C-alpha cells in the first residue's frame, strides 16, 4: 500500500537586518570645519538608510580632536555600544580617521572582531572580517602613524622657526588681545592683573584673591569662574612685563601629546620689549621671590589654611604623604571638637589606597612630650627639635630630630575611651531607649551595665539553643578585647534580686533603685544604687552545656544498652 506524507508549507524566513553605525572625526590640525563634520554625518546617515538590509544605529562623531589622543568621547561611546550588542557593522572613512596609533588600531579592531562587529574602511576598501584584513590594516596603519609623525614634525618646525623670529605660539592671554602682529593691552583686564599682583605682594593667597574676584563678578578669559590656578599662572607669566620667554615647554611624543617642561633639551628665546607691559619688571621679580619664599614655607605661607605645629611634619610610613588634621564634634551643639590626624591619601582615596592608622591629637601630643622629656607638650620646643614624625604600622612613631638622631616610640590609641565620655554614654543610652533596633533588645538592663576596662555599655546578645529556647547574654562590644565571659540574663536577674533583697526579680523595682552595674571581673559585680550606696557582689561564671536533642538521647541510650549487653554476656561466659 502506498504511503503518502503531507508536507506543510513553511513560512518564509526574513533575513535579520544588520545594525550599522558610522564613525566620523574632523581634526583641527587639518583645518577642517564644522561644515565638514556635518557633511560626513549627513552622508553616512543617508548611506546607511538607503540599504534595506541594514538597520540604522547612528553616527558617532568627534570634533576637532586628534586621532592620537584618548579623549574621544564619541569613539568611546561607539565601543561601549558595540560591547552592548547594539552594533554589527561600523563604517568609517579611513584608517587615519579611526586611529593613527598602529597598536591601538589593531587592538580595537581585534576586540570588535572577537565580539562579532565588522569594521569597514571606505578609502582603503578594507573589511576587518576578511582573511587579509589585518595584514592590510597593519601596513596601512603604519603609514597613517608615520604620516601623523611627519605632520607633527612639520608643525614643530614651523613653531620653532617662529620662536627664532620672536613670534609666540600662544595668543590667548588675559589682559591682552592679539592683533596679528603683537599683544595689545585690554584696559579693564589689565586692572585685574595689577590687582592680582598687588594682592599677592600684600600677603594674600591665590584662594583669597579668587574669592574677591568672584564677589566682584570678574570672569576669566573664557568667561568662566576665575580659579586660583589661573591666578597663579598670571603671577608666573613673564609676558605681563612686556617681554616673552619662548619654548618653555615642548611636546616630546606625537602619540601622547603630553607637554614636557624645557629643562635645557631645546634652546629658549628671550624677546625684550615685544609689547606694552602691564607689570613692571621689578614688581614681577618681587612676586617671583615671594613665590619661592612661600614654596619653601609650604602650607604655612597660606593664612587661609588652619595650621598647627604638626602640619607637614607627620608623615605616612606607607605612602609618604603628610597627615592632615580632622575635627569631629561629640554632638551637634557641643563646642568641644575631637581632633585626629589622618593620612591624606587615606582620607581622599580610602583605605584600599592606604591603610595608615589615624592618631588622636591628644595622644600625639602626649607621645611627643614623652619623647622630648617634657611634663607638658610644648609647640615651640617641638618645632625647634623635631624635623618630622613618621607613622609606622599600627603602634610605632619614628621621630626624626633636627640634630639627625632618630627615636622609635610605641603608642596605643585610647580614642574610643576618650570619646566614650559619661555624657556621650548617657546620650547614646537615651537614644537607644527611644530608638530600639528591635523590641527584644531593650530591657531594664539596657544602658545600665558597663565594663570597667573598656568603659562601654554591655550589649544584649540572643542565641538559640538546641532545645529551641532562646538564651540571652550581656557582653562587651565585639571590637573590644576585655576578656569578660559575659553575663547570662537569668543569672543577672538572680544576683540583682539578691542585692535588692526581693524574692523574685521585678523590673520596676530594679529601675527604681539601681543606677548602674559595673562588671569588675569575671567574679565581681559592682552595683551603684540611686540612694548613693554601692554593693559589691561576687559571682561565679558557669558554662552551661547545650541541652541534648532527642536524636542525641536515642544514640546515647543505644550505646548504654550495647555496653550493658556486652557486660552481661561477659559475666555469663565467666
Protein backbone atom coordinates (compact mmCIF):
# COMPACT_ATOMS: atom_id res chain seq x y z
CA UNK A 1 0.00 0.00 0.00
CA UNK A 2 1.34 3.37 -0.93
CA UNK A 3 2.35 5.72 1.91
CA UNK A 4 1.60 9.38 1.46
CA UNK A 5 3.16 12.12 3.70
CA UNK A 6 1.77 15.60 3.73
CA UNK A 7 4.34 18.40 3.51
CA UNK A 8 3.19 21.54 5.30
CA UNK A 9 4.17 24.87 3.71
CA UNK A 10 6.79 26.73 5.76
CA UNK A 11 6.67 30.48 6.33
CA UNK A 12 9.47 32.36 4.57
CA UNK A 13 12.25 33.45 6.97
CA UNK A 14 13.23 37.08 6.58
CA UNK A 15 16.95 37.73 6.92
CA UNK A 16 17.95 39.60 10.08
CA UNK A 17 18.93 43.16 9.33
CA UNK A 18 22.41 44.23 10.41
CA UNK A 19 22.69 47.14 12.84
CA UNK A 20 25.06 49.58 11.13
CA UNK A 21 26.73 52.69 12.60
CA UNK A 22 29.36 55.09 11.29
CA UNK A 23 32.25 56.93 12.92
CA UNK A 24 33.39 60.37 11.72
CA UNK A 25 36.12 62.64 13.02
CA UNK A 26 37.43 66.06 11.99
CA UNK A 27 40.86 67.18 13.21
CA UNK A 28 41.70 70.83 13.81
CA UNK A 29 45.24 70.29 12.58
CA UNK A 30 43.86 69.57 9.11
CA UNK A 31 41.92 72.83 9.09
CA UNK A 32 38.54 71.09 8.95
CA UNK A 33 35.38 72.95 9.83
CA UNK A 34 32.08 72.10 11.45
CA UNK A 35 30.59 72.08 7.96
CA UNK A 36 32.88 69.17 7.02
CA UNK A 37 31.80 67.22 10.10
CA UNK A 38 28.09 67.81 9.48
CA UNK A 39 28.58 66.77 5.85
CA UNK A 40 30.08 63.44 6.96
CA UNK A 41 27.27 62.82 9.44
CA UNK A 42 24.64 63.63 6.79
CA UNK A 43 26.31 61.40 4.20
CA UNK A 44 26.57 58.34 6.44
CA UNK A 45 23.02 58.78 7.76
CA UNK A 46 21.60 58.72 4.22
CA UNK A 47 24.03 55.99 3.04
CA UNK A 48 23.05 53.56 5.81
CA UNK A 49 19.32 54.17 5.48
CA UNK A 50 19.35 53.51 1.71
CA UNK A 51 20.31 49.86 2.33
CA UNK A 52 17.22 47.80 3.15
CA UNK A 53 19.27 45.00 4.71
CA UNK A 54 20.74 47.45 7.23
CA UNK A 55 19.23 48.96 10.36
CA UNK A 56 20.38 52.50 11.19
CA UNK A 57 22.30 52.52 14.51
CA UNK A 58 23.52 56.12 14.43
CA UNK A 59 26.57 58.19 13.54
CA UNK A 60 29.26 58.85 16.16
CA UNK A 61 31.30 62.00 15.51
CA UNK A 62 34.22 63.65 17.32
CA UNK A 63 35.01 67.27 16.52
CA UNK A 64 38.46 68.89 16.48
CA UNK A 65 40.25 66.00 18.20
CA UNK A 66 43.43 64.30 17.06
CA UNK A 67 43.29 60.60 16.25
CA UNK A 68 46.24 60.02 18.56
CA UNK A 69 44.52 61.15 21.74
CA UNK A 70 42.41 59.14 24.19
CA UNK A 71 39.87 61.91 24.77
CA UNK A 72 37.45 60.92 22.01
CA UNK A 73 34.15 60.65 23.88
CA UNK A 74 32.09 59.62 20.86
CA UNK A 75 34.62 56.95 19.91
CA UNK A 76 34.46 55.54 23.44
CA UNK A 77 30.65 55.56 23.29
CA UNK A 78 30.82 53.70 19.98
CA UNK A 79 32.95 50.94 21.55
CA UNK A 80 30.62 50.72 24.56
CA UNK A 81 27.59 50.28 22.29
CA UNK A 82 29.46 47.60 20.31
CA UNK A 83 30.15 45.72 23.54
CA UNK A 84 26.47 46.06 24.44
CA UNK A 85 25.44 44.37 21.17
CA UNK A 86 23.82 47.48 19.67
CA UNK A 87 26.05 47.50 16.56
CA UNK A 88 27.01 44.81 13.99
CA UNK A 89 28.92 46.89 11.41
CA UNK A 90 30.98 50.10 11.78
CA UNK A 91 31.64 52.29 8.75
CA UNK A 92 34.46 54.84 8.71
CA UNK A 93 36.10 56.96 6.04
CA UNK A 94 39.72 55.87 6.51
CA UNK A 95 42.22 54.32 8.89
CA UNK A 96 43.56 57.75 9.86
CA UNK A 97 40.04 58.82 10.91
CA UNK A 98 39.76 55.74 13.14
CA UNK A 99 43.22 55.88 14.79
CA UNK A 100 46.81 56.77 13.91
CA UNK A 101 48.43 54.61 16.53
CA UNK A 102 49.06 51.19 14.93
CA UNK A 103 48.92 49.27 18.22
CA UNK A 104 45.68 50.95 19.37
CA UNK A 105 44.08 50.43 15.96
CA UNK A 106 44.85 46.72 15.79
CA UNK A 107 43.81 46.12 19.40
CA UNK A 108 40.48 47.90 18.83
CA UNK A 109 39.74 46.12 15.54
CA UNK A 110 40.67 42.72 17.00
CA UNK A 111 38.43 43.30 20.00
CA UNK A 112 35.50 44.26 17.77
CA UNK A 113 36.13 41.25 15.53
CA UNK A 114 36.15 38.93 18.59
CA UNK A 115 32.69 40.16 19.60
CA UNK A 116 31.40 39.84 16.04
CA UNK A 117 31.50 43.51 14.99
CA UNK A 118 32.77 44.24 11.47
CA UNK A 119 34.71 47.43 10.65
CA UNK A 120 34.79 48.73 7.06
CA UNK A 121 37.30 51.36 5.92
CA UNK A 122 35.95 53.19 2.87
CA UNK A 123 39.09 54.80 1.47
CA UNK A 124 41.31 51.70 1.78
CA UNK A 125 38.45 49.28 0.90
CA UNK A 126 39.32 47.03 3.86
CA UNK A 127 36.95 44.74 5.74
CA UNK A 128 38.19 43.64 9.19
CA UNK A 129 36.41 40.28 8.83
CA UNK A 130 38.23 39.35 5.62
CA UNK A 131 41.23 36.99 5.62
CA UNK A 132 43.85 39.57 4.66
CA UNK A 133 42.13 42.42 6.51
CA UNK A 134 44.50 42.52 9.49
CA UNK A 135 47.63 42.37 7.30
CA UNK A 136 46.43 45.31 5.24
CA UNK A 137 45.44 47.19 8.38
CA UNK A 138 48.91 46.70 9.89
CA UNK A 139 50.63 48.03 6.79
CA UNK A 140 48.31 50.98 6.18
CA UNK A 141 48.04 51.89 9.88
CA UNK A 142 51.84 52.13 9.98
CA UNK A 143 51.67 54.58 7.09
CA UNK A 144 48.96 56.57 8.91
CA UNK A 145 51.09 56.69 12.07
CA UNK A 146 54.12 57.80 10.08
CA UNK A 147 52.00 60.47 8.40
CA UNK A 148 50.96 61.71 11.84
CA UNK A 149 54.60 61.84 12.94
CA UNK A 150 55.62 63.67 9.77
CA UNK A 151 52.79 66.19 10.19
CA UNK A 152 53.77 66.70 13.84
CA UNK A 153 57.41 67.32 12.90
CA UNK A 154 56.38 69.85 10.24
CA UNK A 155 54.21 71.72 12.75
CA UNK A 156 57.03 71.68 15.33
CA UNK A 157 59.50 73.02 12.74
CA UNK A 158 57.14 75.90 11.88
CA UNK A 159 56.58 76.78 15.55
CA UNK A 160 60.30 76.70 16.37
CA UNK A 161 61.04 78.81 13.28
CA UNK A 162 58.61 81.43 14.60
CA UNK A 163 60.28 81.25 18.03
CA UNK A 164 63.58 82.17 16.37
CA UNK A 165 61.84 85.17 14.84
CA UNK A 166 60.40 86.19 18.24
CA UNK A 167 56.80 85.13 17.46
CA UNK A 168 54.80 83.32 20.18
CA UNK A 169 52.72 80.19 19.71
CA UNK A 170 50.04 81.08 22.28
CA UNK A 171 47.83 84.10 21.69
CA UNK A 172 45.13 83.78 24.39
CA UNK A 173 46.36 85.77 27.39
CA UNK A 174 44.17 87.52 29.95
CA UNK A 175 44.86 91.26 29.82
CA UNK A 176 45.92 91.29 26.14
CA UNK A 177 44.46 90.84 22.67
CA UNK A 178 46.47 89.64 19.68
CA UNK A 179 46.17 91.99 16.65
CA UNK A 180 48.05 89.71 14.28
CA UNK A 181 51.47 91.26 14.98
CA UNK A 182 51.72 91.77 18.75
CA UNK A 183 49.82 91.80 22.04
CA UNK A 184 47.68 94.86 22.75
CA UNK A 185 46.63 95.76 26.31
CA UNK A 186 42.96 95.29 27.25
CA UNK A 187 42.47 98.12 29.83
CA UNK A 188 39.76 96.57 32.02
CA UNK A 189 41.50 93.21 32.22
CA UNK A 190 44.85 94.92 32.86
CA UNK A 191 43.35 96.45 36.05
CA UNK A 192 42.53 92.95 37.31
CA UNK A 193 46.07 91.74 36.54
CA UNK A 194 47.50 94.62 38.59
CA UNK A 195 45.07 93.82 41.41
CA UNK A 196 46.24 90.18 41.44
CA UNK A 197 49.89 91.23 41.70
CA UNK A 198 49.14 93.85 44.40
CA UNK A 199 47.15 91.34 46.48
CA UNK A 200 49.94 88.79 46.33
CA UNK A 201 52.60 91.28 47.49
CA UNK A 202 50.27 92.32 50.33
CA UNK A 203 50.31 88.75 51.59
CA UNK A 204 47.01 87.49 50.17
CA UNK A 205 46.83 83.95 48.83
CA UNK A 206 45.52 82.96 45.41
CA UNK A 207 42.45 81.47 47.13
CA UNK A 208 41.65 84.78 48.85
CA UNK A 209 42.01 86.68 45.57
CA UNK A 210 39.77 84.08 43.92
CA UNK A 211 37.00 84.84 46.45
CA UNK A 212 37.46 88.59 45.94
CA UNK A 213 37.20 88.34 42.14
CA UNK A 214 34.09 86.20 42.44
CA UNK A 215 32.46 88.80 44.69
CA UNK A 216 33.41 91.48 42.15
CA UNK A 217 31.83 89.43 39.35
CA UNK A 218 35.09 89.23 37.36
CA UNK A 219 35.20 86.48 34.73
CA UNK A 220 38.20 84.67 33.27
CA UNK A 221 39.39 84.88 29.65
CA UNK A 222 36.94 82.15 28.64
CA UNK A 223 34.04 83.78 30.51
CA UNK A 224 34.04 81.30 33.39
CA UNK A 225 34.96 81.49 37.04
CA UNK A 226 38.40 82.88 37.90
CA UNK A 227 40.15 79.92 39.58
CA UNK A 228 43.16 80.09 41.89
CA UNK A 229 45.06 78.03 39.29
CA UNK A 230 44.56 80.79 36.72
CA UNK A 231 45.65 83.39 39.25
CA UNK A 232 48.89 81.51 39.94
CA UNK A 233 49.53 81.23 36.18
CA UNK A 234 49.13 85.01 35.81
CA UNK A 235 51.61 85.59 38.64
CA UNK A 236 54.21 83.45 36.86
CA UNK A 237 53.68 84.73 33.29
CA UNK A 238 56.57 86.97 32.19
CA UNK A 239 54.54 88.34 29.27
CA UNK A 240 52.94 90.89 31.61
CA UNK A 241 56.36 92.62 31.82
CA UNK A 242 56.33 93.30 28.04
CA UNK A 243 58.87 90.51 27.44
CA UNK A 244 58.48 86.93 26.25
CA UNK A 245 60.30 83.68 27.04
CA UNK A 246 59.59 81.31 24.14
CA UNK A 247 59.77 77.50 24.11
CA UNK A 248 59.27 76.98 27.85
CA UNK A 249 57.92 73.53 27.02
CA UNK A 250 57.69 71.09 24.14
CA UNK A 251 55.77 68.00 23.02
CA UNK A 252 58.15 65.09 23.01
CA UNK A 253 55.86 62.34 21.66
CA UNK A 254 53.30 62.95 18.91
CA UNK A 255 51.31 59.94 20.15
CA UNK A 256 50.69 61.09 23.73
CA UNK A 257 50.75 64.88 23.02
CA UNK A 258 51.98 65.48 26.59
CA UNK A 259 53.69 68.84 27.18
CA UNK A 260 57.11 68.48 28.83
CA UNK A 261 58.94 71.38 30.58
CA UNK A 262 62.02 72.50 28.67
CA UNK A 263 64.90 71.98 31.09
CA UNK A 264 67.65 72.59 28.56
CA UNK A 265 66.73 69.95 25.97
CA UNK A 266 65.87 72.69 23.43
CA UNK A 267 67.00 76.34 23.09
CA UNK A 268 64.81 79.07 24.62
CA UNK A 269 64.38 82.60 23.27
CA UNK A 270 64.05 85.79 25.35
CA UNK A 271 62.28 88.56 23.45
CA UNK A 272 62.63 92.00 25.08
CA UNK A 273 60.11 94.84 24.71
CA UNK A 274 57.92 92.79 22.38
CA UNK A 275 54.73 94.57 23.54
CA UNK A 276 53.39 97.04 26.11
CA UNK A 277 53.92 96.00 29.75
CA UNK A 278 51.16 95.77 32.39
CA UNK A 279 53.52 94.94 35.28
CA UNK A 280 56.98 96.47 35.61
CA UNK A 281 59.90 94.05 35.73
CA UNK A 282 60.86 94.99 39.31
CA UNK A 283 57.38 94.12 40.62
CA UNK A 284 57.42 90.86 38.68
CA UNK A 285 60.76 89.87 40.21
CA UNK A 286 59.44 90.65 43.72
CA UNK A 287 56.48 88.38 43.06
CA UNK A 288 58.73 85.52 41.88
CA UNK A 289 60.87 85.89 45.02
CA UNK A 290 57.72 85.80 47.16
CA UNK A 291 56.51 82.69 45.32
CA UNK A 292 59.84 80.98 46.08
CA UNK A 293 59.63 82.02 49.74
CA UNK A 294 56.09 80.70 50.11
CA UNK A 295 57.01 77.45 48.36
CA UNK A 296 59.75 76.99 50.93
CA UNK A 297 57.26 77.58 53.77
CA UNK A 298 54.69 75.24 52.23
CA UNK A 299 51.20 75.36 53.77
CA UNK A 300 52.39 77.79 56.45
CA UNK A 301 52.62 80.50 53.80
CA UNK A 302 48.85 80.42 53.20
CA UNK A 303 46.97 82.20 56.02
CA UNK A 304 43.66 80.74 54.81
CA UNK A 305 44.83 77.25 55.85
CA UNK A 306 44.44 76.39 59.53
CA UNK A 307 47.86 75.05 60.57
CA UNK A 308 49.35 73.69 63.79
CA UNK A 309 52.83 72.62 64.86
CA UNK A 310 52.11 69.15 63.41
CA UNK A 311 51.22 70.42 59.92
CA UNK A 312 53.55 68.93 57.27
CA UNK A 313 55.57 67.17 59.98
CA UNK A 314 53.52 63.99 60.42
CA UNK A 315 54.34 61.67 57.51
CA UNK A 316 52.75 58.40 56.45
CA UNK A 317 55.09 55.42 56.52
CA UNK A 318 53.06 53.68 53.79
CA UNK A 319 52.67 56.29 51.02
CA UNK A 320 54.95 59.10 52.26
CA UNK A 321 52.38 61.93 52.15
CA UNK A 322 51.67 64.27 55.06
CA UNK A 323 48.91 63.70 57.60
CA UNK A 324 46.07 66.23 57.85
CA UNK A 325 44.03 67.40 60.81
CA UNK A 326 40.37 66.38 61.03
CA UNK A 327 37.91 67.53 63.70
CA UNK A 328 34.68 65.97 64.89
CA UNK A 329 32.16 67.25 67.43
CA UNK A 330 30.78 64.92 70.06
CA UNK A 331 27.31 66.35 69.46
CA UNK A 332 25.64 68.87 67.17
CA UNK A 333 25.59 71.63 69.76
CA UNK A 334 28.85 70.81 71.53
CA UNK A 335 31.70 73.33 71.48
CA UNK A 336 34.28 70.59 72.09
CA UNK A 337 35.98 69.26 68.95
CA UNK A 338 37.81 65.94 68.97
CA UNK A 339 40.80 66.20 66.57
CA UNK A 340 42.59 63.33 64.87
CA UNK A 341 45.43 63.22 62.33
CA UNK A 342 44.87 61.07 59.25
CA UNK A 343 46.83 60.23 56.10
CA UNK A 344 45.71 62.45 53.21
CA UNK A 345 45.82 59.55 50.75
CA UNK A 346 43.57 57.50 53.02
CA UNK A 347 41.29 60.50 53.55
CA UNK A 348 40.90 61.24 49.81
CA UNK A 349 41.00 57.76 48.23
CA UNK A 350 40.01 55.39 51.03
CA UNK A 351 41.54 52.52 52.98
CA UNK A 352 42.10 50.50 49.77
CA UNK A 353 44.81 53.01 48.75
CA UNK A 354 46.41 53.47 52.19
CA UNK A 355 45.62 51.71 55.47
CA UNK A 356 47.68 54.01 57.72
CA UNK A 357 46.34 54.38 61.25
CA UNK A 358 44.73 57.59 62.47
CA UNK A 359 46.23 59.29 65.54
CA UNK A 360 44.18 61.34 68.03
CA UNK A 361 45.80 64.74 68.58
CA UNK A 362 45.82 64.39 72.38
CA UNK A 363 47.70 61.10 72.14
CA UNK A 364 50.13 62.60 69.60
CA UNK A 365 50.85 65.48 71.97
CA UNK A 366 51.36 63.08 74.89
CA UNK A 367 53.77 60.83 72.96
CA UNK A 368 55.74 63.87 71.73
CA UNK A 369 56.03 65.23 75.26
CA UNK A 370 57.25 61.83 76.46
CA UNK A 371 59.90 61.58 73.71
CA UNK A 372 61.04 65.18 74.28
CA UNK A 373 61.24 64.60 78.05
CA UNK A 374 58.58 67.22 78.88
CA UNK A 375 55.89 67.11 81.55
CA UNK A 376 53.56 69.01 79.22
CA UNK A 377 53.63 69.29 75.42
CA UNK A 378 55.24 72.49 74.10
CA UNK A 379 54.62 73.51 70.45
CA UNK A 380 57.65 75.80 70.11
CA UNK A 381 60.02 73.22 71.56
CA UNK A 382 58.58 70.55 69.26
CA UNK A 383 59.07 72.76 66.17
CA UNK A 384 62.62 73.57 67.24
CA UNK A 385 63.68 69.96 67.91
CA UNK A 386 61.69 67.68 65.55
CA UNK A 387 62.10 67.59 61.78
CA UNK A 388 59.33 65.04 61.12
CA UNK A 389 57.43 62.15 62.67
CA UNK A 390 56.79 59.03 60.54
CA UNK A 391 53.76 56.87 61.38
CA UNK A 392 54.97 53.29 61.01
CA UNK A 393 52.45 50.46 61.17
CA UNK A 394 49.80 50.47 63.88
CA UNK A 395 51.83 51.16 67.00
CA UNK A 396 55.09 52.95 66.18
CA UNK A 397 56.09 56.59 65.67
CA UNK A 398 59.57 57.33 64.31
CA UNK A 399 60.88 60.73 65.44
CA UNK A 400 63.48 62.36 63.16
CA UNK A 401 65.22 65.20 65.03
CA UNK A 402 66.85 68.31 63.58
CA UNK A 403 70.16 67.04 65.02
CA UNK A 404 69.96 63.90 62.87
CA UNK A 405 69.10 61.46 65.65
CA UNK A 406 66.13 59.07 65.37
CA UNK A 407 63.91 57.65 68.12
CA UNK A 408 61.34 54.84 67.75
CA UNK A 409 58.40 55.17 70.11
CA UNK A 410 55.46 52.77 70.54
CA UNK A 411 51.99 54.12 71.27
CA UNK A 412 48.48 52.83 71.89
CA UNK A 413 45.27 54.54 70.88
CA UNK A 414 42.72 55.42 73.55
CA UNK A 415 40.41 57.13 71.06
CA UNK A 416 37.36 55.04 71.91
CA UNK A 417 37.87 55.52 75.62
CA UNK A 418 38.41 59.28 75.22
CA UNK A 419 35.38 59.60 73.02
CA UNK A 420 33.13 57.49 75.23
CA UNK A 421 32.63 60.13 77.92
CA UNK A 422 29.86 59.87 80.52
CA UNK A 423 27.92 62.49 78.55
CA UNK A 424 28.29 60.54 75.32
CA UNK A 425 27.30 57.32 77.09
CA UNK A 426 24.20 58.93 78.57
CA UNK A 427 23.20 60.43 75.23
CA UNK A 428 23.66 57.07 73.48
CA UNK A 429 21.69 55.28 76.14
CA UNK A 430 18.82 57.75 75.87
CA UNK A 431 18.83 57.45 72.09
CA UNK A 432 18.87 53.64 72.22
CA UNK A 433 15.89 53.58 74.54
CA UNK A 434 13.90 55.92 72.28
CA UNK A 435 15.03 54.22 69.07
CA UNK A 436 15.34 50.50 69.76
CA UNK A 437 16.67 48.35 66.95
CA UNK A 438 14.21 45.61 67.85
CA UNK A 439 11.65 45.20 70.59
CA UNK A 440 13.55 42.25 72.11
CA UNK A 441 16.86 44.02 72.68
CA UNK A 442 15.73 46.80 75.03
CA UNK A 443 15.23 45.70 78.64
CA UNK A 444 15.60 47.21 82.09
CA UNK A 445 19.34 46.36 81.90
CA UNK A 446 19.92 48.37 78.70
CA UNK A 447 22.36 51.23 79.31
CA UNK A 448 22.90 50.21 82.95
CA UNK A 449 25.65 47.54 82.66
CA UNK A 450 29.11 48.84 81.83
CA UNK A 451 32.62 47.38 81.60
CA UNK A 452 35.39 48.54 83.95
CA UNK A 453 38.04 48.02 81.24
CA UNK A 454 36.61 49.47 78.01
CA UNK A 455 34.07 51.70 79.86
CA UNK A 456 31.39 50.85 77.30
CA UNK A 457 27.90 49.53 77.89
CA UNK A 458 27.35 45.81 77.55
CA UNK A 459 25.08 44.67 74.75
CA UNK A 460 22.36 42.04 74.82
CA UNK A 461 23.02 39.01 72.60
CA UNK A 462 20.42 36.39 71.81
CA UNK A 463 21.30 32.86 70.66
CA UNK A 464 19.03 29.83 70.11
CA UNK A 465 19.63 26.60 72.00
CA UNK A 466 19.23 23.09 70.64
CA UNK A 467 16.03 22.73 72.64
CA UNK A 468 14.54 25.64 70.73
CA UNK A 469 14.68 28.08 73.65
CA UNK A 470 16.49 31.43 73.39
CA UNK A 471 19.41 32.29 75.66
CA UNK A 472 20.20 35.95 76.48
CA UNK A 473 23.69 37.12 77.47
CA UNK A 474 25.16 40.57 78.19
CA UNK A 475 28.62 41.07 76.67
CA UNK A 476 31.09 43.85 75.79
CA UNK A 477 31.00 45.17 72.18
CA UNK A 478 32.73 42.79 69.73
CA UNK A 479 35.57 45.22 68.83
CA UNK A 480 36.89 45.22 72.42
CA UNK A 481 39.13 42.60 73.99
CA UNK A 482 38.24 42.87 77.66
CA UNK A 483 38.37 39.17 78.49
CA UNK A 484 34.94 39.12 80.15
CA UNK A 485 32.94 35.94 79.61
CA UNK A 486 29.56 37.64 79.58
CA UNK A 487 26.59 37.59 81.95
CA UNK A 488 23.64 35.27 81.46
CA UNK A 489 20.47 37.31 81.86
CA UNK A 490 18.67 34.86 84.17
CA UNK A 491 21.71 34.73 86.46
CA UNK A 492 21.90 38.55 86.36
CA UNK A 493 18.28 38.72 87.48
CA UNK A 494 19.00 36.32 90.36
CA UNK A 495 22.02 38.38 91.53
CA UNK A 496 20.02 41.64 91.23
CA UNK A 497 17.17 40.15 93.30
CA UNK A 498 19.66 39.15 95.98
CA UNK A 499 21.18 42.68 96.04
CA UNK A 500 17.71 44.29 96.26
CA UNK A 501 16.53 41.72 98.89
CA UNK A 502 13.49 40.63 96.88
CA UNK A 503 12.36 37.03 96.35
CA UNK A 504 11.57 37.39 92.64
CA UNK A 505 13.12 39.80 90.14
CA UNK A 506 10.94 42.82 89.40
CA UNK A 507 11.80 45.23 86.55
CA UNK A 508 10.02 48.18 88.14
CA UNK A 509 11.90 47.84 91.46
CA UNK A 510 15.21 47.39 89.54
CA UNK A 511 14.69 50.60 87.51
CA UNK A 512 13.67 52.49 90.63
CA UNK A 513 16.63 51.52 92.82
CA UNK A 514 19.61 50.58 90.56
CA UNK A 515 21.58 53.30 88.81
CA UNK A 516 24.27 51.13 87.17
CA UNK A 517 26.12 47.82 87.29
CA UNK A 518 29.87 47.65 86.63
CA UNK A 519 31.49 44.40 85.56
CA UNK A 520 34.74 44.49 87.55
CA UNK A 521 35.89 41.00 86.56
CA UNK A 522 34.56 37.53 85.80
CA UNK A 523 33.91 37.08 89.52
CA UNK A 524 32.83 40.54 90.74
CA UNK A 525 29.97 42.97 90.03
CA UNK A 526 29.59 46.46 91.49
CA UNK A 527 26.01 47.74 91.94
CA UNK A 528 25.61 51.56 92.14
CA UNK A 529 22.24 52.31 93.76
CA UNK A 530 20.33 55.54 93.29
CA UNK A 531 20.49 56.32 97.01
CA UNK A 532 24.28 56.67 96.63
CA UNK A 533 25.27 53.34 98.18
CA UNK A 534 27.46 50.74 96.45
CA UNK A 535 27.22 46.96 96.80
CA UNK A 536 29.89 44.54 95.58
CA UNK A 537 28.61 41.10 94.64
CA UNK A 538 30.75 38.06 94.00
CA UNK A 539 29.55 35.64 91.34
CA UNK A 540 30.84 32.60 89.51
CA UNK A 541 30.68 32.05 85.80
CA UNK A 542 29.40 28.62 84.85
CA UNK A 543 29.50 27.49 81.28
CA UNK A 544 26.20 25.77 80.56
CA UNK A 545 26.33 22.79 78.24
CA UNK A 546 23.77 22.83 75.42
CA UNK A 547 20.65 20.75 76.01
CA UNK A 548 20.59 17.29 74.44
CA UNK A 549 18.40 16.81 71.39
CA UNK A 550 16.06 13.82 71.06
CA UNK A 551 18.38 12.22 68.49
CA UNK A 552 21.35 12.52 70.82
CA UNK A 553 19.32 10.98 73.66
CA UNK A 554 18.42 7.99 71.45
CA UNK A 555 22.03 7.49 70.36
CA UNK A 556 23.23 7.61 73.96
CA UNK A 557 20.50 5.12 75.02
CA UNK A 558 21.60 2.67 72.29
CA UNK A 559 25.23 2.99 73.41
CA UNK A 560 24.26 2.28 77.03
CA UNK A 561 22.19 -0.78 76.00
CA UNK A 562 25.07 -2.13 73.90
CA UNK A 563 27.54 -1.61 76.75
CA UNK A 564 25.16 -3.35 79.23
CA UNK A 565 24.63 -6.29 76.78
CA UNK A 566 28.39 -6.85 76.35
CA UNK A 567 28.94 -6.74 80.10
CA UNK A 568 26.06 -9.23 80.69
CA UNK A 569 27.49 -11.65 78.12
CA UNK A 570 30.96 -11.46 79.68
CA UNK A 571 29.51 -12.27 83.11
CA UNK A 572 27.57 -15.18 81.65
CA UNK A 573 30.65 -16.69 79.96
CA UNK A 574 32.68 -16.41 83.12
